[in-house]
Amino acid sequence: MLVSAPPRRAVTPPGPCAMVIFGAGGDLTKRLLAPALYNMARAGLLPEKFALIGVDRVEATAASWGESLRAALAAQAANPASESELTAIDPAAWHRLAGAMAYVQGDLTDPALYHRLRDVLNDTAHAHGTGGNVLFYLAVSDRFFAPVVQRLGQAGLAAETEAAAGTPATWRRVVVEKPFGHSLDSARALNRDLLRVLEERQIFRIDHFLGKETVQNIMAFRFANGLFEPIWNRDRIDHVQITVAETVGVEHRGRFYEATGALRDMVPNHVFQILAMVAMEPPSGFDAEQVRNHKAEVFGAIRPLRPEDAVRGQYGPGTVAGQAARAYRAEPNVAPDSDTETFVALRLAIDNWRWAGVPFYLRTGKHMSARHTEVAIRFKPAPFAPFADTDIAALPPNWLVLTIQPDEGISLQFEVKRPGPVMDLAAVRMAFRYCDWFPHEAAIGYETLLYDCMIGEATLFQRADMVEATWRVVQPVLDAWAGAPAPYFPNYASGHDGPESAQRLLAEDGRAWRPVGAG
């Protein structure tokens, strides 16, 4: 049972709104957005007055679009490995969602589409009572981000209204999926294009990693416990390791991955967002701007990367989870001599008072030995002097490990004396697992983020300055790699923990990576 269990804070549905999904027939909508909206309907977290409008170039009706989403949900429910975690479809929850659907067909670059969309929004506002509030979700290729927003502005669909004469104000918000650019220059250009039409407060740059409970729990763990925050600094911490390891390969995303690579795909967004939660200063409250200001300060304090602080890798053939796995260069839509990285390891320095002299090591890769995401904090060793006359050669380090996936939890490793007549130490762990303390609720991470978009809560979303700051950190490495293609790929076997050069990166500092999946 919980040590302390105050009443759970009530969660109320958002106010009236319509949600427009551009890319309604795409993989993102079927695989992630539809399950998230269904879970929200089942949990009572959709607005009571709600409409869902799909936009795509494929000809369809509201009924046929809804049936395609229901079929996708059913396929996920039949697949125990599905990330949606569905086991069955609740007819009442599905009816709640399907009954709110409409569909608009057209080319995203055609101004006429947006005039038809405006008419449908007006119709749904009357039919469903959405009050003129609209959440636009760009579930499309990033090349359409700026054109779609531009067309929204030209059609008057991005304009908000103020309350007047008993009529409530209306809001318009736009959700932008990653990638937020492919370089510092392209990120700046995208921000300029978006901000020509929208106010910053209207833009929600989404990163589904931040929807995971255990990522959000990093802040709760740090700032709600007087035990840990006083030692969360350079005085007691030796270094920090952040690992985001995947067992999946590139699969059907070869064309996208060839133009992106692991560094662009994972580091300026997912990995840096975890880093910011670990390294940020305590806010005086969980106001969105305060939290984001402190995260931005972390990104601004990161020393620009040098090429020697970065390692890249590409997987070759091997064995993953007992199954033969092909090399990256043998994947569909991948060049046979590709020099695109599928693994990256970085050594970062944060130049501020809290973290000066504490290295942060980050790694992420595909076709690794285990699917595992964690933050591992190694504390400085205790003085050895009290044990100098014993046969203890050294004191093992203390580790605090926050496991984000798949087995979410927190563990602390420390030393105890073994029973017996001599002074002999053993490392033991205290471990907390979410599944042992809280009932499991099917979720994919988007539910919280969509809910926040609907209520206008921006804490978990990036601002323009944060996006540009993260690209500024990695841009020197991107430039160096572009000028010197890797001559030695592939350099790690599928099913391994990355290339040997990643181990050498830490060995240079007298340190070593924790084995992937060590817990």
Protein backbone atom coordinates (compact mmCIF):
# COMPACT_ATOMS: atom_id res chain seq x y z
CA MET A 1 0.00 0.00 0.00
CA LEU A 2 1.03 3.61 -0.43
CA VAL A 3 2.88 5.15 2.51
CA SER A 4 0.77 8.28 2.16
CA ALA A 5 -2.33 8.42 -0.01
CA PRO A 6 -4.10 11.78 -0.06
CA PRO A 7 -7.18 11.96 -2.26
CA ARG A 8 -6.30 11.87 -5.94
CA ARG A 9 -6.69 15.23 -7.67
CA ALA A 10 -9.78 15.27 -9.82
CA VAL A 11 -9.22 15.58 -13.57
CA THR A 12 -12.00 17.33 -15.46
CA PRO A 13 -12.57 17.20 -19.21
CA PRO A 14 -11.34 20.16 -21.26
CA GLY A 15 -13.76 22.78 -22.50
CA PRO A 16 -15.50 22.54 -25.88
CA CYS A 17 -13.28 22.22 -28.95
CA ALA A 18 -12.82 20.65 -32.35
CA MET A 19 -9.66 18.77 -33.27
CA VAL A 20 -8.49 18.79 -36.89
CA ILE A 21 -5.95 16.15 -37.91
CA PHE A 22 -3.99 16.92 -41.08
CA GLY A 23 -2.73 13.54 -42.31
CA ALA A 24 -5.84 11.74 -41.10
CA GLY A 25 -5.07 8.57 -43.03
CA GLY A 26 -1.41 8.36 -42.10
CA ASP A 27 0.57 6.01 -39.88
CA LEU A 28 0.89 8.50 -37.00
CA THR A 29 -2.87 8.97 -36.83
CA LYS A 30 -3.66 5.25 -36.91
CA ARG A 31 -0.82 4.08 -34.68
CA LEU A 32 -0.78 6.80 -32.02
CA LEU A 33 -3.40 9.55 -32.26
CA ALA A 34 -6.45 7.33 -32.69
CA PRO A 35 -5.51 5.05 -29.74
CA ALA A 36 -4.78 8.10 -27.58
CA LEU A 37 -8.12 9.73 -28.40
CA TYR A 38 -9.89 6.42 -27.81
CA ASN A 39 -8.17 6.08 -24.41
CA MET A 40 -9.23 9.63 -23.57
CA ALA A 41 -12.82 8.82 -24.52
CA ARG A 42 -12.74 5.72 -22.35
CA ALA A 43 -11.29 7.68 -19.41
CA GLY A 44 -13.76 10.55 -19.75
CA LEU A 45 -11.04 13.02 -20.76
CA LEU A 46 -12.45 14.20 -24.07
CA PRO A 47 -14.41 17.46 -24.03
CA GLU A 48 -18.12 16.89 -23.53
CA LYS A 49 -18.66 19.02 -26.64
CA PHE A 50 -16.14 17.72 -29.15
CA ALA A 51 -15.67 17.17 -32.86
CA LEU A 52 -12.90 15.30 -34.68
CA ILE A 53 -12.21 16.33 -38.26
CA GLY A 54 -9.87 14.39 -40.52
CA VAL A 55 -8.10 16.09 -43.43
CA ASP A 56 -6.26 14.12 -46.10
CA ARG A 57 -5.85 13.97 -49.85
CA VAL A 58 -7.34 10.45 -49.94
CA GLU A 59 -11.02 10.44 -50.84
CA ALA A 60 -13.14 9.20 -47.94
CA THR A 61 -16.19 9.94 -45.84
CA ALA A 62 -16.47 10.41 -42.10
CA ALA A 63 -17.87 6.87 -41.86
CA SER A 64 -15.15 5.22 -43.95
CA TRP A 65 -12.40 7.17 -42.18
CA GLY A 66 -13.81 6.15 -38.82
CA GLU A 67 -13.99 2.52 -39.91
CA SER A 68 -10.33 2.61 -40.99
CA LEU A 69 -9.34 3.93 -37.55
CA ARG A 70 -11.47 1.30 -35.83
CA ALA A 71 -9.81 -1.41 -37.91
CA ALA A 72 -6.40 -0.07 -36.90
CA LEU A 73 -7.43 -0.16 -33.23
CA ALA A 74 -8.70 -3.71 -33.60
CA ALA A 75 -5.41 -4.79 -35.18
CA GLN A 76 -3.50 -3.25 -32.29
CA ALA A 77 -5.78 -4.90 -29.74
CA ALA A 78 -5.01 -8.26 -31.37
CA ASN A 79 -1.26 -7.64 -31.19
CA PRO A 80 0.12 -8.06 -27.64
CA ALA A 81 3.33 -6.26 -28.65
CA SER A 82 1.47 -3.14 -29.78
CA GLU A 83 2.58 0.09 -28.11
CA SER A 84 -1.08 1.12 -27.70
CA GLU A 85 -1.53 -1.67 -25.09
CA LEU A 86 -5.13 -2.17 -26.20
CA THR A 87 -6.68 -5.56 -25.40
CA ALA A 88 -10.23 -4.91 -26.60
CA ILE A 89 -12.37 -2.07 -27.91
CA ASP A 90 -15.03 -0.70 -25.59
CA PRO A 91 -18.09 -0.08 -27.83
CA ALA A 92 -19.30 2.87 -25.74
CA ALA A 93 -15.93 4.62 -25.85
CA TRP A 94 -15.60 4.04 -29.58
CA HIS A 95 -19.15 5.30 -30.21
CA ARG A 96 -18.28 8.44 -28.23
CA LEU A 97 -15.36 9.10 -30.57
CA ALA A 98 -16.90 7.95 -33.86
CA GLY A 99 -20.03 10.00 -33.32
CA ALA A 100 -17.97 13.19 -33.37
CA MET A 101 -16.17 12.59 -36.69
CA ALA A 102 -16.17 14.55 -39.94
CA TYR A 103 -13.85 14.39 -42.95
CA VAL A 104 -12.49 16.86 -45.51
CA GLN A 105 -10.65 15.67 -48.63
CA GLY A 106 -8.13 17.80 -50.49
CA ASP A 107 -4.56 18.76 -51.28
CA LEU A 108 -2.80 20.43 -48.34
CA THR A 109 -1.34 23.08 -50.64
CA ASP A 110 -4.71 23.97 -52.21
CA PRO A 111 -6.30 27.13 -50.71
CA ALA A 112 -9.74 25.78 -51.60
CA LEU A 113 -9.27 22.96 -49.06
CA TYR A 114 -9.09 25.47 -46.22
CA HIS A 115 -12.30 27.20 -47.32
CA ARG A 116 -14.06 23.80 -47.22
CA LEU A 117 -12.50 23.13 -43.83
CA ARG A 118 -13.81 26.47 -42.54
CA ASP A 119 -17.33 25.51 -43.61
CA VAL A 120 -17.05 22.13 -41.87
CA LEU A 121 -15.75 23.80 -38.71
CA ASN A 122 -18.73 26.15 -38.72
CA ASP A 123 -21.08 23.21 -39.19
CA THR A 124 -19.51 21.20 -36.38
CA ALA A 125 -19.53 24.22 -34.09
CA HIS A 126 -23.31 24.29 -34.41
CA ALA A 127 -23.82 20.52 -34.40
CA HIS A 128 -21.44 19.68 -31.53
CA GLY A 129 -21.24 22.97 -29.62
CA THR A 130 -17.46 23.29 -29.94
CA GLY A 131 -17.61 27.04 -29.35
CA GLY A 132 -15.24 27.93 -32.18
CA ASN A 133 -12.20 26.49 -30.38
CA VAL A 134 -9.95 24.46 -32.67
CA LEU A 135 -6.84 22.33 -32.16
CA PHE A 136 -5.03 21.74 -35.46
CA TYR A 137 -2.72 18.69 -35.41
CA LEU A 138 -0.04 18.49 -38.13
CA ALA A 139 0.40 14.71 -38.46
CA VAL A 140 2.12 15.22 -41.81
CA SER A 141 5.64 15.32 -43.23
CA ASP A 142 7.62 18.25 -41.86
CA ARG A 143 7.84 19.80 -45.32
CA PHE A 144 4.14 20.66 -44.95
CA PHE A 145 4.40 22.37 -41.55
CA ALA A 146 4.99 25.90 -42.83
CA PRO A 147 2.67 25.64 -45.91
CA VAL A 148 -0.26 24.34 -43.84
CA VAL A 149 0.12 27.06 -41.22
CA GLN A 150 0.43 29.67 -43.95
CA ARG A 151 -2.82 28.44 -45.55
CA LEU A 152 -4.54 28.44 -42.16
CA GLY A 153 -3.57 32.06 -41.73
CA GLN A 154 -4.70 33.05 -45.22
CA ALA A 155 -8.09 31.41 -44.66
CA GLY A 156 -8.54 33.16 -41.32
CA LEU A 157 -8.53 29.85 -39.47
CA ALA A 158 -5.69 30.79 -37.10
CA ALA A 159 -7.41 33.91 -35.78
CA GLU A 160 -8.73 33.96 -32.22
CA THR A 161 -11.49 36.15 -30.87
CA GLU A 162 -11.86 37.97 -27.57
CA ALA A 163 -14.86 37.68 -25.30
CA ALA A 164 -17.56 40.27 -26.05
CA ALA A 165 -21.21 40.86 -25.23
CA GLY A 166 -21.69 37.55 -23.47
CA THR A 167 -19.86 35.62 -26.17
CA PRO A 168 -16.82 33.69 -24.82
CA ALA A 169 -13.38 34.07 -26.34
CA THR A 170 -12.23 31.46 -28.84
CA TRP A 171 -8.78 29.89 -29.19
CA ARG A 172 -6.85 28.33 -32.05
CA ARG A 173 -3.78 26.13 -31.41
CA VAL A 174 -1.44 24.20 -33.71
CA VAL A 175 0.40 21.02 -32.72
CA VAL A 176 3.67 20.45 -34.58
CA GLU A 177 5.29 17.00 -34.56
CA LYS A 178 9.04 16.56 -34.68
CA PRO A 179 11.37 17.09 -36.46
CA PHE A 180 11.48 20.78 -35.64
CA GLY A 181 13.96 21.38 -38.43
CA HIS A 182 16.98 19.34 -39.55
CA SER A 183 19.65 21.86 -38.56
CA LEU A 184 20.02 25.15 -36.72
CA ASP A 185 19.29 27.17 -39.87
CA SER A 186 16.22 25.12 -40.82
CA ALA A 187 14.88 25.28 -37.24
CA ARG A 188 15.21 29.06 -37.29
CA ALA A 189 13.47 29.21 -40.67
CA LEU A 190 10.59 27.00 -39.47
CA ASN A 191 10.13 29.12 -36.34
CA ARG A 192 10.06 32.29 -38.45
CA ASP A 193 7.43 30.78 -40.76
CA LEU A 194 5.21 29.65 -37.89
CA LEU A 195 5.51 32.91 -35.98
CA ARG A 196 4.48 34.96 -39.01
CA VAL A 197 1.01 33.45 -38.59
CA LEU A 198 0.77 32.33 -34.96
CA GLU A 199 1.66 33.65 -31.54
CA GLU A 200 4.15 31.52 -29.63
CA ARG A 201 1.42 30.61 -27.11
CA GLN A 202 -0.58 29.05 -29.98
CA ILE A 203 2.21 26.66 -31.01
CA PHE A 204 2.57 23.30 -29.26
CA ARG A 205 5.75 21.52 -30.39
CA ILE A 206 5.05 18.00 -29.24
CA ASP A 207 7.52 15.35 -28.13
CA HIS A 208 5.73 12.14 -27.17
CA PHE A 209 8.59 11.16 -24.85
CA LEU A 210 7.40 13.84 -22.43
CA GLY A 211 4.01 12.16 -22.19
CA LYS A 212 5.55 9.18 -20.42
CA GLU A 213 4.74 9.15 -16.71
CA THR A 214 8.27 8.23 -15.71
CA VAL A 215 9.77 11.14 -17.65
CA GLN A 216 7.46 13.56 -15.87
CA ASN A 217 8.26 11.79 -12.61
CA ILE A 218 11.87 13.01 -12.82
CA MET A 219 10.73 16.46 -11.70
CA ALA A 220 8.47 15.04 -8.99
CA PHE A 221 11.25 12.81 -7.70
CA ARG A 222 13.74 15.67 -7.55
CA PHE A 223 11.61 18.49 -6.23
CA ALA A 224 9.15 16.69 -3.91
CA ASN A 225 11.81 14.86 -1.88
CA GLY A 226 14.10 16.72 0.48
CA LEU A 227 16.40 13.68 0.54
CA PHE A 228 17.76 13.98 -3.00
CA GLU A 229 17.79 17.58 -4.18
CA PRO A 230 20.52 18.71 -1.70
CA ILE A 231 22.95 16.18 -3.23
CA TRP A 232 21.87 16.80 -6.85
CA ASN A 233 24.98 18.75 -7.84
CA ARG A 234 28.70 18.67 -8.62
CA ASP A 235 29.63 18.20 -4.95
CA ARG A 236 28.20 14.69 -4.79
CA ILE A 237 27.61 13.53 -8.38
CA ASP A 238 30.47 12.10 -10.42
CA HIS A 239 28.68 11.83 -13.77
CA VAL A 240 25.32 11.16 -15.42
CA GLN A 241 24.49 8.59 -18.12
CA ILE A 242 21.34 8.80 -20.25
CA THR A 243 20.57 5.80 -22.44
CA VAL A 244 17.77 5.46 -25.00
CA ALA A 245 18.28 2.01 -26.54
CA GLU A 246 15.99 0.36 -29.07
CA THR A 247 15.90 -3.21 -30.34
CA VAL A 248 13.96 -2.25 -33.46
CA GLY A 249 15.78 -1.33 -36.63
CA VAL A 250 14.81 1.25 -39.20
CA GLU A 251 12.13 -1.07 -40.61
CA HIS A 252 9.92 0.77 -43.17
CA ARG A 253 11.41 4.22 -42.44
CA GLY A 254 14.55 3.83 -44.54
CA ARG A 255 13.85 6.80 -46.80
CA PHE A 256 13.22 9.09 -43.81
CA TYR A 257 16.17 7.74 -41.85
CA GLU A 258 18.64 8.16 -44.71
CA ALA A 259 17.99 11.92 -44.59
CA THR A 260 17.94 12.09 -40.80
CA GLY A 261 20.11 9.69 -38.81
CA ALA A 262 20.18 8.97 -35.09
CA LEU A 263 21.61 12.32 -34.01
CA ARG A 264 18.93 14.43 -35.69
CA ASP A 265 16.15 11.95 -34.96
CA MET A 266 16.67 11.53 -31.22
CA VAL A 267 19.08 13.92 -29.57
CA PRO A 268 17.80 17.52 -29.97
CA ASN A 269 14.35 16.37 -28.85
CA HIS A 270 13.88 13.15 -26.86
CA VAL A 271 17.29 12.86 -25.22
CA PHE A 272 17.76 16.56 -24.52
CA GLN A 273 14.29 16.78 -22.95
CA ILE A 274 15.28 14.09 -20.46
CA LEU A 275 18.58 15.88 -19.89
CA ALA A 276 16.77 19.15 -19.13
CA MET A 277 14.57 17.54 -16.48
CA VAL A 278 17.61 16.03 -14.81
CA ALA A 279 19.72 19.19 -14.93
CA MET A 280 17.27 22.11 -14.55
CA GLU A 281 17.13 24.34 -11.48
CA PRO A 282 14.12 24.00 -9.15
CA PRO A 283 11.25 26.24 -10.30
CA SER A 284 9.29 28.20 -7.71
CA GLY A 285 6.14 26.65 -9.17
CA PHE A 286 5.06 24.42 -12.05
CA ASP A 287 3.94 27.32 -14.16
CA ALA A 288 4.65 26.56 -17.83
CA GLU A 289 6.89 29.55 -18.43
CA GLN A 290 8.92 29.00 -15.27
CA VAL A 291 9.61 25.36 -16.09
CA ARG A 292 10.43 26.13 -19.72
CA ASN A 293 12.67 29.04 -18.71
CA HIS A 294 14.72 26.72 -16.51
CA LYS A 295 14.96 24.12 -19.27
CA ALA A 296 16.07 26.81 -21.71
CA GLU A 297 18.79 27.85 -19.24
CA VAL A 298 20.14 24.29 -19.28
CA PHE A 299 20.29 24.22 -23.08
CA GLY A 300 21.96 27.62 -23.11
CA ALA A 301 24.61 26.42 -20.65
CA ILE A 302 25.61 23.31 -22.63
CA ARG A 303 29.03 23.78 -24.15
CA PRO A 304 28.87 23.39 -27.97
CA LEU A 305 29.94 19.90 -28.91
CA ARG A 306 33.36 19.17 -30.37
CA PRO A 307 33.67 16.37 -32.92
CA GLU A 308 35.88 14.45 -30.49
CA ASP A 309 33.00 14.42 -27.98
CA ALA A 310 30.75 12.49 -30.37
CA VAL A 311 30.78 8.90 -31.62
CA ARG A 312 28.63 7.49 -34.40
CA GLY A 313 27.80 3.94 -35.33
CA GLN A 314 25.79 1.90 -37.79
CA TYR A 315 24.45 -1.59 -37.17
CA GLY A 316 25.54 -4.55 -39.21
CA PRO A 317 24.00 -8.02 -39.31
CA GLY A 318 23.53 -9.85 -36.04
CA THR A 319 20.95 -11.30 -33.67
CA VAL A 320 18.30 -9.30 -31.79
CA ALA A 321 16.06 -11.03 -29.23
CA GLY A 322 17.07 -14.39 -30.65
CA GLN A 323 16.16 -13.47 -34.21
CA ALA A 324 18.52 -12.89 -37.10
CA ALA A 325 18.73 -9.19 -37.96
CA ARG A 326 19.99 -7.66 -41.17
CA ALA A 327 22.40 -4.77 -41.51
CA TYR A 328 21.16 -1.19 -41.88
CA ARG A 329 22.55 -1.09 -45.43
CA ALA A 330 20.31 -4.05 -46.29
CA GLU A 331 17.12 -2.32 -45.09
CA PRO A 332 14.52 -1.19 -47.66
CA ASN A 333 15.15 2.25 -49.19
CA VAL A 334 18.68 2.44 -47.73
CA ALA A 335 21.73 2.99 -49.92
CA PRO A 336 24.08 -0.05 -49.99
CA ASP A 337 27.02 2.24 -49.07
CA SER A 338 25.09 4.49 -46.66
CA ASP A 339 27.05 6.42 -44.05
CA THR A 340 23.94 7.34 -42.02
CA GLU A 341 24.41 6.71 -38.31
CA THR A 342 21.99 4.50 -36.37
CA PHE A 343 23.84 5.05 -33.06
CA VAL A 344 25.30 8.11 -31.42
CA ALA A 345 27.10 8.69 -28.12
CA LEU A 346 27.93 12.14 -26.78
CA ARG A 347 29.94 13.67 -23.95
CA LEU A 348 28.40 16.95 -22.78
CA ALA A 349 29.48 19.64 -20.35
CA ILE A 350 27.02 22.03 -18.69
CA ASP A 351 28.78 25.24 -17.75
CA ASN A 352 26.84 26.44 -14.73
CA TRP A 353 27.32 26.45 -10.96
CA ARG A 354 25.42 23.22 -10.30
CA TRP A 355 27.05 21.05 -12.94
CA ALA A 356 30.52 22.45 -13.63
CA GLY A 357 32.93 19.52 -13.99
CA VAL A 358 30.18 16.85 -14.13
CA PRO A 359 30.14 15.12 -17.54
CA PHE A 360 26.84 13.99 -19.04
CA TYR A 361 27.10 10.96 -21.31
CA LEU A 362 24.27 10.30 -23.74
CA ARG A 363 23.72 7.41 -26.12
CA THR A 364 20.92 6.23 -28.34
CA GLY A 365 20.79 3.59 -31.01
CA LYS A 366 18.82 1.00 -32.92
CA HIS A 367 19.18 -2.80 -33.00
CA MET A 368 20.81 -2.77 -29.59
CA SER A 369 20.83 -5.58 -27.04
CA ALA A 370 17.70 -4.46 -25.16
CA ARG A 371 14.88 -1.94 -25.34
CA HIS A 372 15.77 0.23 -22.40
CA THR A 373 15.65 3.92 -21.48
CA GLU A 374 17.19 5.13 -18.25
CA VAL A 375 18.89 7.96 -16.42
CA ALA A 376 21.78 6.64 -14.30
CA ILE A 377 23.39 8.97 -11.77
CA ARG A 378 26.70 7.90 -10.32
CA PHE A 379 27.67 9.49 -7.02
CA LYS A 380 31.20 10.23 -5.97
CA PRO A 381 32.76 7.47 -3.84
CA ALA A 382 32.99 7.67 -0.10
CA PRO A 383 36.47 8.11 1.47
CA PHE A 384 38.34 4.83 1.46
CA ALA A 385 40.36 5.51 4.62
CA PRO A 386 38.08 3.71 7.15
CA PHE A 387 38.53 0.49 5.18
CA ALA A 388 42.26 0.80 4.51
CA ASP A 389 43.15 -2.06 6.86
CA THR A 390 40.63 -4.49 5.40
CA ASP A 391 40.86 -6.59 2.25
CA ILE A 392 38.36 -4.33 0.46
CA ALA A 393 40.25 -3.11 -2.59
CA ALA A 394 37.88 -0.25 -3.40
CA LEU A 395 34.42 1.04 -2.64
CA PRO A 396 31.99 0.45 -5.51
CA PRO A 397 30.06 3.52 -6.59
CA ASN A 398 26.52 4.35 -5.56
CA TRP A 399 24.07 4.48 -8.47
CA LEU A 400 20.65 6.09 -8.61
CA VAL A 401 18.80 4.78 -11.69
CA LEU A 402 15.54 6.13 -13.06
CA THR A 403 14.17 3.59 -15.53
CA ILE A 404 11.80 5.14 -18.06
CA GLN A 405 11.02 2.05 -20.13
CA PRO A 406 10.12 -0.73 -20.27
CA ASP A 407 10.01 -1.61 -16.56
CA GLU A 408 9.35 1.86 -15.14
CA GLY A 409 10.81 2.56 -11.74
CA ILE A 410 13.64 3.91 -9.57
CA SER A 411 16.46 2.03 -7.86
CA LEU A 412 19.28 3.02 -5.52
CA GLN A 413 22.44 0.92 -5.22
CA PHE A 414 24.47 1.19 -2.03
CA GLU A 415 26.92 -0.84 0.07
CA VAL A 416 26.18 -3.00 3.10
CA LYS A 417 28.27 -5.36 5.20
CA ARG A 418 27.92 -9.03 4.44
CA PRO A 419 27.03 -11.15 7.48
CA GLY A 420 30.12 -12.71 9.05
CA PRO A 421 33.14 -12.03 11.25
CA VAL A 422 35.10 -9.95 8.67
CA MET A 423 34.46 -6.56 7.09
CA ASP A 424 33.21 -7.51 3.67
CA LEU A 425 30.93 -5.26 1.60
CA ALA A 426 28.21 -6.11 -0.89
CA ALA A 427 26.23 -3.91 -3.25
CA VAL A 428 22.46 -4.09 -2.78
CA ARG A 429 19.56 -2.26 -4.35
CA MET A 430 16.38 -0.68 -3.10
CA ALA A 431 13.92 -0.65 -5.97
CA PHE A 432 10.55 0.92 -6.69
CA ARG A 433 8.49 -0.22 -9.69
CA TYR A 434 5.39 1.59 -10.87
CA CYS A 435 3.58 -1.68 -11.53
CA ASP A 436 3.97 -2.73 -7.88
CA TRP A 437 2.33 0.41 -6.50
CA PHE A 438 -0.14 1.75 -9.04
CA PRO A 439 -2.80 0.13 -11.20
CA HIS A 440 -1.76 -0.05 -14.83
CA GLU A 441 -3.69 2.13 -17.24
CA ALA A 442 -3.33 1.57 -20.98
CA ALA A 443 -1.64 4.62 -22.46
CA ILE A 444 0.82 5.48 -25.18
CA GLY A 445 1.99 8.86 -23.85
CA TYR A 446 -0.04 11.06 -26.17
CA GLU A 447 -3.11 11.19 -23.90
CA THR A 448 -1.55 13.61 -21.42
CA LEU A 449 -0.10 15.75 -24.19
CA LEU A 450 -3.38 15.99 -26.13
CA TYR A 451 -5.21 16.84 -22.92
CA ASP A 452 -2.68 19.59 -22.20
CA CYS A 453 -3.09 20.98 -25.73
CA MET A 454 -6.85 21.17 -25.23
CA ILE A 455 -6.56 23.05 -21.94
CA GLY A 456 -3.67 25.26 -23.11
CA GLU A 457 -1.08 23.87 -20.67
CA ALA A 458 2.33 24.34 -22.33
CA THR A 459 4.72 22.99 -19.67
CA LEU A 460 5.62 19.82 -21.60
CA PHE A 461 6.08 21.56 -24.96
CA GLN A 462 9.09 23.30 -26.45
CA ARG A 463 9.36 27.00 -27.25
CA ALA A 464 11.11 28.41 -30.30
CA ASP A 465 14.18 29.45 -28.30
CA MET A 466 14.53 25.98 -26.77
CA VAL A 467 14.41 24.31 -30.17
CA GLU A 468 17.09 26.58 -31.56
CA ALA A 469 19.27 26.18 -28.47
CA THR A 470 19.34 22.38 -28.80
CA TRP A 471 20.25 22.56 -32.49
CA ARG A 472 23.00 25.04 -31.63
CA VAL A 473 24.61 22.40 -29.38
CA VAL A 474 24.70 19.60 -31.98
CA GLN A 475 25.30 21.66 -35.13
CA PRO A 476 29.15 21.53 -34.91
CA VAL A 477 29.02 17.72 -34.96
CA LEU A 478 26.55 17.65 -37.85
CA ASP A 479 28.87 19.94 -39.80
CA ALA A 480 31.94 17.82 -39.01
CA TRP A 481 30.22 14.58 -39.99
CA ALA A 482 28.89 16.08 -43.21
CA GLY A 483 32.45 16.99 -44.19
CA ALA A 484 33.94 13.63 -43.27
CA PRO A 485 31.68 10.65 -44.00
CA ALA A 486 32.33 7.63 -41.80
CA PRO A 487 34.70 5.25 -43.61
CA TYR A 488 34.22 2.28 -41.28
CA PHE A 489 30.48 1.47 -41.27
CA PRO A 490 28.96 -0.84 -40.15
CA ASN A 491 30.84 -0.86 -36.85
CA TYR A 492 28.59 -2.72 -34.41
CA ALA A 493 26.64 -5.93 -34.76
CA SER A 494 22.88 -5.91 -34.33
CA GLY A 495 22.09 -7.01 -30.79
CA HIS A 496 25.14 -5.31 -29.26
CA ASP A 497 25.44 -2.13 -27.20
CA GLY A 498 26.99 0.03 -29.91
CA PRO A 499 30.51 0.42 -31.36
CA GLU A 500 33.71 -0.02 -29.40
CA SER A 501 34.48 3.67 -29.93
CA ALA A 502 31.57 4.50 -27.61
CA GLN A 503 33.27 2.55 -24.84
CA ARG A 504 36.53 4.37 -25.52
CA LEU A 505 34.73 7.73 -25.19
CA LEU A 506 34.11 7.03 -21.51
CA ALA A 507 37.37 5.12 -21.00
CA GLU A 508 39.22 8.34 -21.84
CA ASP A 509 37.71 9.76 -18.63
CA GLY A 510 38.32 6.62 -16.58
CA ARG A 511 34.65 5.64 -16.70
CA ALA A 512 32.50 2.98 -18.38
CA TRP A 513 28.97 2.65 -19.69
CA ARG A 514 26.49 0.65 -17.67
CA PRO A 515 25.36 -2.45 -19.61
CA VAL A 516 22.16 -1.72 -21.50
CA GLY A 517 19.20 -3.08 -19.55
CA ALA A 518 21.19 -3.50 -16.32
CA GLY A 519 18.33 -1.95 -14.33
